[in-house]
Amino acid sequence: MVNRRLPPLTSLRAFEAAARRSSFKAAAEELFVTPTAISHQIRQLEAHLGLRVLERTPRAVRLTAEGSVLYEATASGFAEIARAVAQLQRR
């Protein structure tokens, strides 16, 4: 059965960075964690959703069709949060 609650925010953040950078290593450097931590977060996200969101290759990662849908939502959501934080900081 698929979990209907939102996945952990840390997993979504790791996914968004890995998808955008096409690399666990690059995502790890951006988020100041290890590539293993990124891999763990992605596995947790996939277990929570009950589906694969990234295809892993020896040198990169690629979005699955389902991952593309999730990436659009997470990228948009994080961008909106960043805009709101910037707006609040300008006040």
N, C-alpha and C. Protein backbone atom coordinates (compact mmCIF):
# COMPACT_ATOMS: atom_id res chain seq x y z
N MET A 1 0.84 -1.18 0.00
CA MET A 1 0.00 0.00 0.00
C MET A 1 0.88 1.25 0.00
N VAL A 2 0.53 2.23 -0.78
CA VAL A 2 1.29 3.46 -0.90
C VAL A 2 0.95 4.38 0.26
N ASN A 3 1.98 4.99 0.83
CA ASN A 3 1.83 5.93 1.93
C ASN A 3 1.29 7.25 1.38
N ARG A 4 0.21 7.76 1.90
CA ARG A 4 -0.43 8.98 1.40
C ARG A 4 0.14 10.26 2.04
N ARG A 5 0.92 10.11 3.10
CA ARG A 5 1.51 11.29 3.73
C ARG A 5 2.69 11.80 2.90
N LEU A 6 3.06 13.04 3.11
CA LEU A 6 4.23 13.59 2.43
C LEU A 6 5.49 12.87 2.87
N PRO A 7 6.42 12.67 1.96
CA PRO A 7 7.71 12.09 2.34
C PRO A 7 8.49 13.07 3.23
N PRO A 8 9.50 12.59 3.93
CA PRO A 8 10.32 13.49 4.74
C PRO A 8 10.94 14.60 3.87
N LEU A 9 10.98 15.80 4.40
CA LEU A 9 11.52 16.93 3.67
C LEU A 9 12.99 16.71 3.28
N THR A 10 13.75 16.05 4.15
CA THR A 10 15.16 15.79 3.82
C THR A 10 15.29 14.90 2.58
N SER A 11 14.38 13.96 2.43
CA SER A 11 14.40 13.09 1.25
C SER A 11 14.03 13.88 0.00
N LEU A 12 13.04 14.75 0.12
CA LEU A 12 12.65 15.56 -1.04
C LEU A 12 13.77 16.51 -1.44
N ARG A 13 14.44 17.10 -0.46
CA ARG A 13 15.55 18.02 -0.75
C ARG A 13 16.70 17.28 -1.42
N ALA A 14 17.04 16.10 -0.93
CA ALA A 14 18.10 15.30 -1.54
C ALA A 14 17.72 14.91 -2.96
N PHE A 15 16.46 14.51 -3.15
CA PHE A 15 15.99 14.15 -4.49
C PHE A 15 16.09 15.33 -5.44
N GLU A 16 15.61 16.49 -5.02
CA GLU A 16 15.63 17.67 -5.90
C GLU A 16 17.05 18.02 -6.32
N ALA A 17 17.97 17.99 -5.38
CA ALA A 17 19.36 18.32 -5.70
C ALA A 17 19.99 17.27 -6.62
N ALA A 18 19.75 15.99 -6.33
CA ALA A 18 20.31 14.91 -7.16
C ALA A 18 19.73 14.95 -8.56
N ALA A 19 18.45 15.21 -8.67
CA ALA A 19 17.81 15.28 -9.99
C ALA A 19 18.32 16.47 -10.78
N ARG A 20 18.41 17.62 -10.12
CA ARG A 20 18.87 18.84 -10.81
C ARG A 20 20.32 18.72 -11.23
N ARG A 21 21.15 18.10 -10.40
CA ARG A 21 22.58 17.99 -10.68
C ARG A 21 22.95 16.71 -11.42
N SER A 22 21.99 15.78 -11.55
CA SER A 22 22.21 14.47 -12.19
C SER A 22 23.34 13.68 -11.55
N SER A 23 23.52 13.88 -10.25
CA SER A 23 24.65 13.25 -9.57
C SER A 23 24.42 13.23 -8.07
N PHE A 24 24.65 12.08 -7.46
CA PHE A 24 24.61 11.99 -6.00
C PHE A 24 25.78 12.78 -5.41
N LYS A 25 26.94 12.68 -6.04
CA LYS A 25 28.13 13.36 -5.53
C LYS A 25 27.94 14.87 -5.53
N ALA A 26 27.46 15.42 -6.63
CA ALA A 26 27.24 16.87 -6.72
C ALA A 26 26.15 17.32 -5.74
N ALA A 27 25.11 16.53 -5.61
CA ALA A 27 24.05 16.86 -4.65
C ALA A 27 24.60 16.85 -3.23
N ALA A 28 25.44 15.86 -2.94
CA ALA A 28 26.04 15.76 -1.61
C ALA A 28 26.91 16.97 -1.29
N GLU A 29 27.70 17.40 -2.27
CA GLU A 29 28.55 18.58 -2.06
C GLU A 29 27.69 19.82 -1.81
N GLU A 30 26.62 19.96 -2.55
CA GLU A 30 25.72 21.11 -2.38
C GLU A 30 25.06 21.13 -1.01
N LEU A 31 24.68 19.96 -0.53
CA LEU A 31 23.95 19.86 0.74
C LEU A 31 24.84 19.57 1.94
N PHE A 32 26.16 19.49 1.70
CA PHE A 32 27.14 19.27 2.77
C PHE A 32 26.91 17.95 3.51
N VAL A 33 26.65 16.90 2.72
CA VAL A 33 26.53 15.54 3.25
C VAL A 33 27.34 14.62 2.35
N THR A 34 27.32 13.34 2.63
CA THR A 34 28.06 12.39 1.80
C THR A 34 27.16 11.86 0.68
N PRO A 35 27.76 11.37 -0.40
CA PRO A 35 26.95 10.72 -1.43
C PRO A 35 26.13 9.55 -0.89
N THR A 36 26.68 8.85 0.09
CA THR A 36 25.96 7.74 0.71
C THR A 36 24.69 8.25 1.40
N ALA A 37 24.78 9.42 2.03
CA ALA A 37 23.60 10.00 2.68
C ALA A 37 22.53 10.35 1.64
N ILE A 38 22.96 10.88 0.49
CA ILE A 38 22.01 11.18 -0.58
C ILE A 38 21.35 9.90 -1.06
N SER A 39 22.14 8.88 -1.28
CA SER A 39 21.62 7.58 -1.72
C SER A 39 20.60 7.04 -0.72
N HIS A 40 20.91 7.15 0.54
CA HIS A 40 19.99 6.67 1.59
C HIS A 40 18.68 7.45 1.54
N GLN A 41 18.76 8.76 1.39
CA GLN A 41 17.56 9.59 1.34
C GLN A 41 16.69 9.25 0.12
N ILE A 42 17.34 8.98 -1.01
CA ILE A 42 16.60 8.62 -2.22
C ILE A 42 15.92 7.26 -2.03
N ARG A 43 16.62 6.31 -1.44
CA ARG A 43 16.01 5.00 -1.16
C ARG A 43 14.81 5.15 -0.22
N GLN A 44 14.96 6.01 0.79
CA GLN A 44 13.86 6.26 1.72
C GLN A 44 12.66 6.86 0.98
N LEU A 45 12.93 7.82 0.10
CA LEU A 45 11.86 8.45 -0.68
C LEU A 45 11.16 7.42 -1.56
N GLU A 46 11.94 6.60 -2.26
CA GLU A 46 11.36 5.59 -3.14
C GLU A 46 10.55 4.56 -2.36
N ALA A 47 11.02 4.20 -1.18
CA ALA A 47 10.27 3.26 -0.34
C ALA A 47 8.96 3.90 0.12
N HIS A 48 9.02 5.16 0.48
CA HIS A 48 7.82 5.88 0.92
C HIS A 48 6.79 5.95 -0.20
N LEU A 49 7.26 6.24 -1.42
CA LEU A 49 6.35 6.37 -2.57
C LEU A 49 5.94 5.03 -3.17
N GLY A 50 6.77 4.02 -2.97
CA GLY A 50 6.50 2.73 -3.57
C GLY A 50 6.82 2.69 -5.05
N LEU A 51 7.75 3.54 -5.49
CA LEU A 51 8.17 3.56 -6.91
C LEU A 51 9.55 4.18 -7.05
N ARG A 52 10.16 3.94 -8.20
CA ARG A 52 11.48 4.49 -8.49
C ARG A 52 11.34 5.89 -9.06
N VAL A 53 12.18 6.81 -8.59
CA VAL A 53 12.17 8.18 -9.11
C VAL A 53 13.44 8.51 -9.88
N LEU A 54 14.49 7.71 -9.66
CA LEU A 54 15.76 7.93 -10.35
C LEU A 54 16.30 6.61 -10.89
N GLU A 55 16.85 6.68 -12.09
CA GLU A 55 17.60 5.55 -12.65
C GLU A 55 19.07 5.82 -12.35
N ARG A 56 19.72 4.86 -11.75
CA ARG A 56 21.12 5.02 -11.39
C ARG A 56 22.01 4.41 -12.47
N THR A 57 23.03 5.14 -12.89
CA THR A 57 24.05 4.63 -13.79
C THR A 57 25.39 4.82 -13.10
N PRO A 58 26.45 4.22 -13.62
CA PRO A 58 27.74 4.36 -12.92
C PRO A 58 28.21 5.81 -12.74
N ARG A 59 27.85 6.69 -13.64
CA ARG A 59 28.38 8.06 -13.56
C ARG A 59 27.32 9.14 -13.35
N ALA A 60 26.06 8.78 -13.35
CA ALA A 60 25.02 9.80 -13.24
C ALA A 60 23.70 9.16 -12.80
N VAL A 61 22.73 10.01 -12.56
CA VAL A 61 21.37 9.55 -12.30
C VAL A 61 20.46 10.27 -13.28
N ARG A 62 19.37 9.60 -13.64
CA ARG A 62 18.38 10.17 -14.55
C ARG A 62 17.00 9.98 -13.96
N LEU A 63 16.14 10.92 -14.24
CA LEU A 63 14.77 10.84 -13.76
C LEU A 63 13.98 9.76 -14.48
N THR A 64 13.16 9.04 -13.75
CA THR A 64 12.17 8.17 -14.36
C THR A 64 10.99 9.07 -14.75
N ALA A 65 10.00 8.52 -15.41
CA ALA A 65 8.81 9.31 -15.76
C ALA A 65 8.15 9.84 -14.49
N GLU A 66 8.05 8.99 -13.47
CA GLU A 66 7.45 9.42 -12.21
C GLU A 66 8.35 10.46 -11.52
N GLY A 67 9.65 10.27 -11.63
CA GLY A 67 10.58 11.22 -11.06
C GLY A 67 10.48 12.59 -11.69
N SER A 68 10.19 12.64 -12.99
CA SER A 68 10.02 13.93 -13.68
C SER A 68 8.85 14.71 -13.10
N VAL A 69 7.77 14.01 -12.82
CA VAL A 69 6.59 14.65 -12.22
C VAL A 69 6.95 15.20 -10.84
N LEU A 70 7.62 14.38 -10.04
CA LEU A 70 7.99 14.81 -8.69
C LEU A 70 9.01 15.93 -8.74
N TYR A 71 9.95 15.87 -9.68
CA TYR A 71 10.96 16.92 -9.77
C TYR A 71 10.32 18.28 -10.08
N GLU A 72 9.40 18.31 -11.01
CA GLU A 72 8.73 19.58 -11.33
C GLU A 72 8.08 20.18 -10.08
N ALA A 73 7.44 19.33 -9.31
CA ALA A 73 6.75 19.81 -8.10
C ALA A 73 7.74 20.26 -7.03
N THR A 74 8.80 19.49 -6.81
CA THR A 74 9.76 19.87 -5.76
C THR A 74 10.54 21.10 -6.16
N ALA A 75 10.98 21.18 -7.41
CA ALA A 75 11.74 22.36 -7.85
C ALA A 75 10.88 23.61 -7.73
N SER A 76 9.64 23.52 -8.14
CA SER A 76 8.72 24.65 -8.04
C SER A 76 8.47 25.02 -6.58
N GLY A 77 8.24 24.03 -5.76
CA GLY A 77 7.97 24.27 -4.35
C GLY A 77 9.14 24.90 -3.62
N PHE A 78 10.34 24.38 -3.85
CA PHE A 78 11.52 24.95 -3.20
C PHE A 78 11.80 26.37 -3.72
N ALA A 79 11.56 26.61 -5.00
CA ALA A 79 11.74 27.95 -5.56
C ALA A 79 10.77 28.93 -4.91
N GLU A 80 9.54 28.51 -4.70
CA GLU A 80 8.54 29.36 -4.05
C GLU A 80 8.93 29.66 -2.61
N ILE A 81 9.43 28.67 -1.91
CA ILE A 81 9.89 28.88 -0.53
C ILE A 81 11.05 29.88 -0.53
N ALA A 82 11.99 29.73 -1.45
CA ALA A 82 13.13 30.65 -1.53
C ALA A 82 12.66 32.08 -1.80
N ARG A 83 11.68 32.24 -2.68
CA ARG A 83 11.14 33.58 -2.95
C ARG A 83 10.51 34.18 -1.70
N ALA A 84 9.75 33.38 -0.96
CA ALA A 84 9.10 33.88 0.25
C ALA A 84 10.13 34.27 1.31
N VAL A 85 11.17 33.47 1.45
CA VAL A 85 12.23 33.80 2.43
C VAL A 85 12.92 35.09 2.03
N ALA A 86 13.24 35.23 0.75
CA ALA A 86 13.89 36.46 0.28
C ALA A 86 13.00 37.67 0.53
N GLN A 87 11.72 37.54 0.29
CA GLN A 87 10.78 38.63 0.52
C GLN A 87 10.74 39.01 1.99
N LEU A 88 10.70 38.02 2.86
CA LEU A 88 10.68 38.30 4.30
C LEU A 88 11.97 38.97 4.75
N GLN A 89 13.08 38.57 4.18
CA GLN A 89 14.37 39.14 4.59
C GLN A 89 14.52 40.58 4.12
N ARG A 90 13.82 40.96 3.07
CA ARG A 90 13.88 42.33 2.57
C ARG A 90 13.08 43.30 3.46
N ARG A 91 12.17 42.80 4.23
CA ARG A 91 11.29 43.65 5.06
C ARG A 91 12.05 44.25 6.23
